[in-house]
Amino acid sequence: GSAAKLGGAAELVFAVDDVRSAYEALSAKGIKFI
């Protein structure tokens, strides 16, 4: 429980057909993009 973030030097990448549409749909669901 010592780490503020559990994520390390790894990334999960989700394949999508349209990045802009995925970005807009996830943003509408409350996802805050970095």
Full PDB file with SEQRES, HELIX, SHEET, SSBOND, CRYST1, ORIGX, SCALE, CONECT and MASTER records, all heavy atoms in Angstrom:
SEQRES   1 A   34  GLY SER ALA ALA LYS LEU GLY GLY ALA ALA GLU LEU VAL          
SEQRES   2 A   34  PHE ALA VAL ASP ASP VAL ARG SER ALA TYR GLU ALA LEU          
SEQRES   3 A   34  SER ALA LYS GLY ILE LYS PHE ILE                              
HELIX    1 AA1 VAL A   19  ALA A   28  1                                  10    
CRYST1    1.000    1.000    1.000  90.00  90.00  90.00 P 1           1          
ORIGX1      1.000000  0.000000  0.000000        0.00000                         
ORIGX2      0.000000  1.000000  0.000000        0.00000                         
ORIGX3      0.000000  0.000000  1.000000        0.00000                         
SCALE1      1.000000  0.000000  0.000000        0.00000                         
SCALE2      0.000000  1.000000  0.000000        0.00000                         
SCALE3      0.000000  0.000000  1.000000        0.00000                         
ATOM      1  N   GLY A   1       0.793  -1.222   0.000  1.00  0.00           N  
ATOM      2  CA  GLY A   1       0.000   0.000   0.000  1.00  0.00           C  
ATOM      3  C   GLY A   1       0.824   1.270   0.000  1.00  0.00           C  
ATOM      4  O   GLY A   1       0.305   2.350   0.206  1.00  0.00           O  
ATOM      5  N   SER A   2       2.138   1.165  -0.246  1.00  0.00           N  
ATOM      6  CA  SER A   2       3.004   2.334  -0.164  1.00  0.00           C  
ATOM      7  C   SER A   2       2.994   3.196  -1.422  1.00  0.00           C  
ATOM      8  O   SER A   2       3.293   4.376  -1.353  1.00  0.00           O  
ATOM      9  CB  SER A   2       4.435   1.893   0.135  1.00  0.00           C  
ATOM     10  OG  SER A   2       4.907   1.045  -0.901  1.00  0.00           O  
ATOM     11  N   ALA A   3       2.675   2.620  -2.544  1.00  0.00           N  
ATOM     12  CA  ALA A   3       2.734   3.371  -3.803  1.00  0.00           C  
ATOM     13  C   ALA A   3       1.433   4.125  -4.028  1.00  0.00           C  
ATOM     14  O   ALA A   3       0.344   3.577  -3.875  1.00  0.00           O  
ATOM     15  CB  ALA A   3       3.001   2.425  -4.962  1.00  0.00           C  
ATOM     16  N   ALA A   4       1.537   5.406  -4.403  1.00  0.00           N  
ATOM     17  CA  ALA A   4       0.344   6.197  -4.713  1.00  0.00           C  
ATOM     18  C   ALA A   4      -0.339   5.648  -5.955  1.00  0.00           C  
ATOM     19  O   ALA A   4      -1.552   5.579  -6.028  1.00  0.00           O  
ATOM     20  CB  ALA A   4       0.719   7.657  -4.913  1.00  0.00           C  
ATOM     21  N   LYS A   5       0.462   5.256  -6.944  1.00  0.00           N  
ATOM     22  CA  LYS A   5      -0.042   4.655  -8.170  1.00  0.00           C  
ATOM     23  C   LYS A   5       0.496   3.239  -8.248  1.00  0.00           C  
ATOM     24  O   LYS A   5       1.646   2.992  -7.910  1.00  0.00           O  
ATOM     25  CB  LYS A   5       0.447   5.409  -9.407  1.00  0.00           C  
ATOM     26  CG  LYS A   5      -0.203   6.719  -9.664  1.00  0.00           C  
ATOM     27  CD  LYS A   5       0.310   7.260 -10.992  1.00  0.00           C  
ATOM     28  CE  LYS A   5      -0.326   8.568 -11.358  1.00  0.00           C  
ATOM     29  NZ  LYS A   5       0.127   9.026 -12.669  1.00  0.00           N  
ATOM     30  N   LEU A   6      -0.334   2.325  -8.699  1.00  0.00           N  
ATOM     31  CA  LEU A   6       0.123   0.949  -8.868  1.00  0.00           C  
ATOM     32  C   LEU A   6       0.734   0.721 -10.238  1.00  0.00           C  
ATOM     33  O   LEU A   6       1.494  -0.212 -10.430  1.00  0.00           O  
ATOM     34  CB  LEU A   6      -1.043  -0.032  -8.650  1.00  0.00           C  
ATOM     35  CG  LEU A   6      -1.622  -0.047  -7.240  1.00  0.00           C  
ATOM     36  CD1 LEU A   6      -2.818  -0.999  -7.178  1.00  0.00           C  
ATOM     37  CD2 LEU A   6      -0.575  -0.458  -6.228  1.00  0.00           C  
ATOM     38  N   GLY A   7       0.402   1.562 -11.193  1.00  0.00           N  
ATOM     39  CA  GLY A   7       0.918   1.403 -12.552  1.00  0.00           C  
ATOM     40  C   GLY A   7       2.409   1.662 -12.616  1.00  0.00           C  
ATOM     41  O   GLY A   7       2.941   2.514 -11.923  1.00  0.00           O  
ATOM     42  N   GLY A   8       3.068   0.914 -13.460  1.00  0.00           N  
ATOM     43  CA  GLY A   8       4.507   1.076 -13.636  1.00  0.00           C  
ATOM     44  C   GLY A   8       4.841   1.380 -15.073  1.00  0.00           C  
ATOM     45  O   GLY A   8       4.100   2.078 -15.755  1.00  0.00           O  
ATOM     46  N   ALA A   9       5.930   0.829 -15.543  1.00  0.00           N  
ATOM     47  CA  ALA A   9       6.390   1.073 -16.911  1.00  0.00           C  
ATOM     48  C   ALA A   9       5.725   0.086 -17.860  1.00  0.00           C  
ATOM     49  O   ALA A   9       6.386  -0.679 -18.542  1.00  0.00           O  
ATOM     50  CB  ALA A   9       7.904   0.968 -16.975  1.00  0.00           C  
ATOM     51  N   ALA A  10       4.411   0.102 -17.874  1.00  0.00           N  
ATOM     52  CA  ALA A  10       3.630  -0.760 -18.759  1.00  0.00           C  
ATOM     53  C   ALA A  10       2.365  -0.011 -19.150  1.00  0.00           C  
ATOM     54  O   ALA A  10       1.954   0.922 -18.462  1.00  0.00           O  
ATOM     55  CB  ALA A  10       3.276  -2.074 -18.052  1.00  0.00           C  
ATOM     56  N   GLU A  11       1.758  -0.426 -20.250  1.00  0.00           N  
ATOM     57  CA  GLU A  11       0.548   0.240 -20.726  1.00  0.00           C  
ATOM     58  C   GLU A  11      -0.351  -0.781 -21.402  1.00  0.00           C  
ATOM     59  O   GLU A  11       0.124  -1.609 -22.170  1.00  0.00           O  
ATOM     60  CB  GLU A  11       0.930   1.341 -21.723  1.00  0.00           C  
ATOM     61  CG  GLU A  11      -0.229   2.116 -22.285  1.00  0.00           C  
ATOM     62  CD  GLU A  11       0.223   3.251 -23.193  1.00  0.00           C  
ATOM     63  OE1 GLU A  11       1.404   3.650 -23.144  1.00  0.00           O  
ATOM     64  OE2 GLU A  11      -0.614   3.731 -23.965  1.00  0.00           O  
ATOM     65  N   LEU A  12      -1.639  -0.720 -21.111  1.00  0.00           N  
ATOM     66  CA  LEU A  12      -2.624  -1.527 -21.830  1.00  0.00           C  
ATOM     67  C   LEU A  12      -3.141  -0.686 -22.983  1.00  0.00           C  
ATOM     68  O   LEU A  12      -3.607   0.433 -22.776  1.00  0.00           O  
ATOM     69  CB  LEU A  12      -3.792  -1.919 -20.926  1.00  0.00           C  
ATOM     70  CG  LEU A  12      -3.508  -2.864 -19.780  1.00  0.00           C  
ATOM     71  CD1 LEU A  12      -4.801  -3.146 -19.020  1.00  0.00           C  
ATOM     72  CD2 LEU A  12      -2.898  -4.152 -20.278  1.00  0.00           C  
ATOM     73  N   VAL A  13      -3.073  -1.232 -24.181  1.00  0.00           N  
ATOM     74  CA  VAL A  13      -3.475  -0.504 -25.383  1.00  0.00           C  
ATOM     75  C   VAL A  13      -4.711  -1.168 -25.970  1.00  0.00           C  
ATOM     76  O   VAL A  13      -4.683  -2.349 -26.312  1.00  0.00           O  
ATOM     77  CB  VAL A  13      -2.319  -0.485 -26.416  1.00  0.00           C  
ATOM     78  CG1 VAL A  13      -2.740   0.257 -27.676  1.00  0.00           C  
ATOM     79  CG2 VAL A  13      -1.060   0.125 -25.805  1.00  0.00           C  
ATOM     80  N   PHE A  14      -5.790  -0.409 -26.079  1.00  0.00           N  
ATOM     81  CA  PHE A  14      -7.034  -0.902 -26.642  1.00  0.00           C  
ATOM     82  C   PHE A  14      -7.115  -0.490 -28.107  1.00  0.00           C  
ATOM     83  O   PHE A  14      -7.040   0.701 -28.423  1.00  0.00           O  
ATOM     84  CB  PHE A  14      -8.240  -0.338 -25.888  1.00  0.00           C  
ATOM     85  CG  PHE A  14      -8.381  -0.848 -24.482  1.00  0.00           C  
ATOM     86  CD1 PHE A  14      -7.767  -0.195 -23.431  1.00  0.00           C  
ATOM     87  CD2 PHE A  14      -9.110  -1.996 -24.225  1.00  0.00           C  
ATOM     88  CE1 PHE A  14      -7.886  -0.657 -22.128  1.00  0.00           C  
ATOM     89  CE2 PHE A  14      -9.234  -2.479 -22.936  1.00  0.00           C  
ATOM     90  CZ  PHE A  14      -8.615  -1.809 -21.881  1.00  0.00           C  
ATOM     91  N   ALA A  15      -7.270  -1.459 -28.991  1.00  0.00           N  
ATOM     92  CA  ALA A  15      -7.404  -1.184 -30.417  1.00  0.00           C  
ATOM     93  C   ALA A  15      -8.808  -0.640 -30.690  1.00  0.00           C  
ATOM     94  O   ALA A  15      -9.793  -1.199 -30.212  1.00  0.00           O  
ATOM     95  CB  ALA A  15      -7.173  -2.458 -31.230  1.00  0.00           C  
ATOM     96  N   VAL A  16      -8.875   0.453 -31.443  1.00  0.00           N  
ATOM     97  CA  VAL A  16     -10.163   1.040 -31.826  1.00  0.00           C  
ATOM     98  C   VAL A  16     -10.121   1.394 -33.309  1.00  0.00           C  
ATOM     99  O   VAL A  16      -9.051   1.558 -33.888  1.00  0.00           O  
ATOM    100  CB  VAL A  16     -10.492   2.308 -30.986  1.00  0.00           C  
ATOM    101  CG1 VAL A  16     -10.671   1.955 -29.519  1.00  0.00           C  
ATOM    102  CG2 VAL A  16      -9.435   3.388 -31.154  1.00  0.00           C  
ATOM    103  N   ASP A  17     -11.298   1.500 -33.912  1.00  0.00           N  
ATOM    104  CA  ASP A  17     -11.385   1.852 -35.327  1.00  0.00           C  
ATOM    105  C   ASP A  17     -11.213   3.343 -35.566  1.00  0.00           C  
ATOM    106  O   ASP A  17     -10.810   3.760 -36.651  1.00  0.00           O  
ATOM    107  CB  ASP A  17     -12.739   1.409 -35.905  1.00  0.00           C  
ATOM    108  CG  ASP A  17     -12.874  -0.103 -35.957  1.00  0.00           C  
ATOM    109  OD1 ASP A  17     -11.847  -0.790 -36.096  1.00  0.00           O  
ATOM    110  OD2 ASP A  17     -14.008  -0.587 -35.847  1.00  0.00           O  
ATOM    111  N   ASP A  18     -11.529   4.159 -34.560  1.00  0.00           N  
ATOM    112  CA  ASP A  18     -11.480   5.614 -34.710  1.00  0.00           C  
ATOM    113  C   ASP A  18     -11.087   6.214 -33.356  1.00  0.00           C  
ATOM    114  O   ASP A  18     -11.891   6.238 -32.422  1.00  0.00           O  
ATOM    115  CB  ASP A  18     -12.851   6.109 -35.167  1.00  0.00           C  
ATOM    116  CG  ASP A  18     -12.940   7.607 -35.373  1.00  0.00           C  
ATOM    117  OD1 ASP A  18     -12.143   8.365 -34.779  1.00  0.00           O  
ATOM    118  OD2 ASP A  18     -13.833   8.032 -36.121  1.00  0.00           O  
ATOM    119  N   VAL A  19      -9.866   6.694 -33.256  1.00  0.00           N  
ATOM    120  CA  VAL A  19      -9.358   7.219 -31.985  1.00  0.00           C  
ATOM    121  C   VAL A  19     -10.168   8.422 -31.513  1.00  0.00           C  
ATOM    122  O   VAL A  19     -10.514   8.526 -30.338  1.00  0.00           O  
ATOM    123  CB  VAL A  19      -7.858   7.561 -32.087  1.00  0.00           C  
ATOM    124  CG1 VAL A  19      -7.375   8.339 -30.874  1.00  0.00           C  
ATOM    125  CG2 VAL A  19      -7.045   6.289 -32.244  1.00  0.00           C  
ATOM    126  N   ARG A  20     -10.495   9.331 -32.403  1.00  0.00           N  
ATOM    127  CA  ARG A  20     -11.239  10.539 -32.018  1.00  0.00           C  
ATOM    128  C   ARG A  20     -12.622  10.167 -31.474  1.00  0.00           C  
ATOM    129  O   ARG A  20     -13.050  10.675 -30.441  1.00  0.00           O  
ATOM    130  CB  ARG A  20     -11.372  11.490 -33.220  1.00  0.00           C  
ATOM    131  CG  ARG A  20     -12.205  12.725 -32.985  1.00  0.00           C  
ATOM    132  CD  ARG A  20     -11.693  13.673 -31.936  1.00  0.00           C  
ATOM    133  NE  ARG A  20     -10.395  14.218 -32.258  1.00  0.00           N  
ATOM    134  CZ  ARG A  20      -9.724  15.036 -31.468  1.00  0.00           C  
ATOM    135  NH1 ARG A  20     -10.229  15.407 -30.309  1.00  0.00           N  
ATOM    136  NH2 ARG A  20      -8.545  15.481 -31.808  1.00  0.00           N  
ATOM    137  N   SER A  21     -13.311   9.249 -32.132  1.00  0.00           N  
ATOM    138  CA  SER A  21     -14.634   8.827 -31.654  1.00  0.00           C  
ATOM    139  C   SER A  21     -14.541   8.129 -30.304  1.00  0.00           C  
ATOM    140  O   SER A  21     -15.371   8.352 -29.418  1.00  0.00           O  
ATOM    141  CB  SER A  21     -15.303   7.897 -32.669  1.00  0.00           C  
ATOM    142  OG  SER A  21     -15.609   8.603 -33.847  1.00  0.00           O  
ATOM    143  N   ALA A  22     -13.533   7.276 -30.132  1.00  0.00           N  
ATOM    144  CA  ALA A  22     -13.332   6.588 -28.852  1.00  0.00           C  
ATOM    145  C   ALA A  22     -13.031   7.611 -27.755  1.00  0.00           C  
ATOM    146  O   ALA A  22     -13.568   7.526 -26.638  1.00  0.00           O  
ATOM    147  CB  ALA A  22     -12.203   5.572 -28.963  1.00  0.00           C  
ATOM    148  N   TYR A  23     -12.189   8.575 -28.057  1.00  0.00           N  
ATOM    149  CA  TYR A  23     -11.837   9.639 -27.114  1.00  0.00           C  
ATOM    150  C   TYR A  23     -13.088  10.406 -26.678  1.00  0.00           C  
ATOM    151  O   TYR A  23     -13.304  10.636 -25.490  1.00  0.00           O  
ATOM    152  CB  TYR A  23     -10.824  10.567 -27.781  1.00  0.00           C  
ATOM    153  CG  TYR A  23     -10.572  11.867 -27.067  1.00  0.00           C  
ATOM    154  CD1 TYR A  23      -9.720  11.924 -25.960  1.00  0.00           C  
ATOM    155  CD2 TYR A  23     -11.179  13.040 -27.500  1.00  0.00           C  
ATOM    156  CE1 TYR A  23      -9.484  13.122 -25.314  1.00  0.00           C  
ATOM    157  CE2 TYR A  23     -10.950  14.235 -26.856  1.00  0.00           C  
ATOM    158  CZ  TYR A  23     -10.101  14.278 -25.762  1.00  0.00           C  
ATOM    159  OH  TYR A  23      -9.869  15.464 -25.122  1.00  0.00           O  
ATOM    160  N   GLU A  24     -13.926  10.771 -27.634  1.00  0.00           N  
ATOM    161  CA  GLU A  24     -15.137  11.528 -27.324  1.00  0.00           C  
ATOM    162  C   GLU A  24     -16.126  10.700 -26.507  1.00  0.00           C  
ATOM    163  O   GLU A  24     -16.716  11.196 -25.552  1.00  0.00           O  
ATOM    164  CB  GLU A  24     -15.771  12.051 -28.611  1.00  0.00           C  
ATOM    165  CG  GLU A  24     -14.931  13.141 -29.263  1.00  0.00           C  
ATOM    166  CD  GLU A  24     -15.373  13.528 -30.663  1.00  0.00           C  
ATOM    167  OE1 GLU A  24     -16.340  12.923 -31.193  1.00  0.00           O  
ATOM    168  OE2 GLU A  24     -14.734  14.433 -31.239  1.00  0.00           O  
ATOM    169  N   ALA A  25     -16.284   9.421 -26.863  1.00  0.00           N  
ATOM    170  CA  ALA A  25     -17.222   8.554 -26.139  1.00  0.00           C  
ATOM    171  C   ALA A  25     -16.754   8.309 -24.708  1.00  0.00           C  
ATOM    172  O   ALA A  25     -17.557   8.365 -23.764  1.00  0.00           O  
ATOM    173  CB  ALA A  25     -17.386   7.226 -26.878  1.00  0.00           C  
ATOM    174  N   LEU A  26     -15.469   8.052 -24.525  1.00  0.00           N  
ATOM    175  CA  LEU A  26     -14.946   7.807 -23.175  1.00  0.00           C  
ATOM    176  C   LEU A  26     -14.925   9.090 -22.350  1.00  0.00           C  
ATOM    177  O   LEU A  26     -15.188   9.055 -21.145  1.00  0.00           O  
ATOM    178  CB  LEU A  26     -13.553   7.173 -23.249  1.00  0.00           C  
ATOM    179  CG  LEU A  26     -13.535   5.747 -23.785  1.00  0.00           C  
ATOM    180  CD1 LEU A  26     -12.097   5.273 -24.016  1.00  0.00           C  
ATOM    181  CD2 LEU A  26     -14.268   4.792 -22.851  1.00  0.00           C  
ATOM    182  N   SER A  27     -14.633  10.210 -22.982  1.00  0.00           N  
ATOM    183  CA  SER A  27     -14.688  11.498 -22.272  1.00  0.00           C  
ATOM    184  C   SER A  27     -16.099  11.757 -21.761  1.00  0.00           C  
ATOM    185  O   SER A  27     -16.284  12.243 -20.635  1.00  0.00           O  
ATOM    186  CB  SER A  27     -14.243  12.633 -23.200  1.00  0.00           C  
ATOM    187  OG  SER A  27     -12.876  12.538 -23.507  1.00  0.00           O  
ATOM    188  N   ALA A  28     -17.101  11.411 -22.566  1.00  0.00           N  
ATOM    189  CA  ALA A  28     -18.499  11.598 -22.164  1.00  0.00           C  
ATOM    190  C   ALA A  28     -18.861  10.714 -20.972  1.00  0.00           C  
ATOM    191  O   ALA A  28     -19.788  11.029 -20.223  1.00  0.00           O  
ATOM    192  CB  ALA A  28     -19.428  11.312 -23.342  1.00  0.00           C  
ATOM    193  N   LYS A  29     -18.114   9.621 -20.786  1.00  0.00           N  
ATOM    194  CA  LYS A  29     -18.347   8.723 -19.647  1.00  0.00           C  
ATOM    195  C   LYS A  29     -17.531   9.145 -18.428  1.00  0.00           C  
ATOM    196  O   LYS A  29     -17.489   8.434 -17.432  1.00  0.00           O  
ATOM    197  CB  LYS A  29     -17.989   7.288 -20.024  1.00  0.00           C  
ATOM    198  CG  LYS A  29     -18.949   6.658 -20.990  1.00  0.00           C  
ATOM    199  CD  LYS A  29     -18.579   5.207 -21.218  1.00  0.00           C  
ATOM    200  CE  LYS A  29     -19.653   4.497 -22.007  1.00  0.00           C  
ATOM    201  NZ  LYS A  29     -19.471   3.043 -21.965  1.00  0.00           N  
ATOM    202  N   GLY A  30     -16.831  10.267 -18.529  1.00  0.00           N  
ATOM    203  CA  GLY A  30     -16.086  10.776 -17.382  1.00  0.00           C  
ATOM    204  C   GLY A  30     -14.601  10.458 -17.368  1.00  0.00           C  
ATOM    205  O   GLY A  30     -13.915  10.812 -16.411  1.00  0.00           O  
ATOM    206  N   ILE A  31     -14.092   9.818 -18.401  1.00  0.00           N  
ATOM    207  CA  ILE A  31     -12.653   9.533 -18.459  1.00  0.00           C  
ATOM    208  C   ILE A  31     -11.910  10.846 -18.665  1.00  0.00           C  
ATOM    209  O   ILE A  31     -12.236  11.623 -19.550  1.00  0.00           O  
ATOM    210  CB  ILE A  31     -12.317   8.564 -19.614  1.00  0.00           C  
ATOM    211  CG1 ILE A  31     -13.020   7.227 -19.430  1.00  0.00           C  
ATOM    212  CG2 ILE A  31     -10.803   8.382 -19.760  1.00  0.00           C  
ATOM    213  CD1 ILE A  31     -12.555   6.407 -18.277  1.00  0.00           C  
ATOM    214  N   LYS A  32     -10.917  11.101 -17.826  1.00  0.00           N  
ATOM    215  CA  LYS A  32     -10.055  12.277 -17.960  1.00  0.00           C  
ATOM    216  C   LYS A  32      -8.783  11.824 -18.662  1.00  0.00           C  
ATOM    217  O   LYS A  32      -8.011  11.036 -18.116  1.00  0.00           O  
ATOM    218  CB  LYS A  32      -9.714  12.868 -16.594  1.00  0.00           C  
ATOM    219  CG  LYS A  32     -10.924  13.249 -15.765  1.00  0.00           C  
ATOM    220  CD  LYS A  32     -11.685  14.400 -16.370  1.00  0.00           C  
ATOM    221  CE  LYS A  32     -12.821  14.807 -15.464  1.00  0.00           C  
ATOM    222  NZ  LYS A  32     -13.992  15.231 -16.150  1.00  0.00           N  
ATOM    223  N   PHE A  33      -8.576  12.286 -19.863  1.00  0.00           N  
ATOM    224  CA  PHE A  33      -7.409  11.884 -20.642  1.00  0.00           C  
ATOM    225  C   PHE A  33      -6.172  12.669 -20.228  1.00  0.00           C  
ATOM    226  O   PHE A  33      -6.242  13.874 -19.974  1.00  0.00           O  
ATOM    227  CB  PHE A  33      -7.678  12.052 -22.144  1.00  0.00           C  
ATOM    228  CG  PHE A  33      -8.473  10.920 -22.723  1.00  0.00           C  
ATOM    229  CD1 PHE A  33      -9.847  10.867 -22.565  1.00  0.00           C  
ATOM    230  CD2 PHE A  33      -7.835   9.894 -23.396  1.00  0.00           C  
ATOM    231  CE1 PHE A  33     -10.577   9.812 -23.073  1.00  0.00           C  
ATOM    232  CE2 PHE A  33      -8.560   8.827 -23.908  1.00  0.00           C  
ATOM    233  CZ  PHE A  33      -9.938   8.780 -23.747  1.00  0.00           C  
ATOM    234  N   ILE A  34      -5.060  11.974 -20.160  1.00  0.00           N  
ATOM    235  CA  ILE A  34      -3.761  12.578 -19.869  1.00  0.00           C  
ATOM    236  C   ILE A  34      -3.228  13.249 -21.127  1.00  0.00           C  
ATOM    237  O   ILE A  34      -2.576  14.278 -21.067  1.00  0.00           O  
ATOM    238  CB  ILE A  34      -2.767  11.494 -19.399  1.00  0.00           C  
ATOM    239  CG1 ILE A  34      -3.254  10.875 -18.107  1.00  0.00           C  
ATOM    240  CG2 ILE A  34      -1.363  12.065 -19.231  1.00  0.00           C  
ATOM    241  CD1 ILE A  34      -2.554   9.585 -17.767  1.00  0.00           C  
TER     242      ILE A  34                                                      
MASTER        0    0    0    1    0    0    0    6  241    1    0    3          
END                                                                             
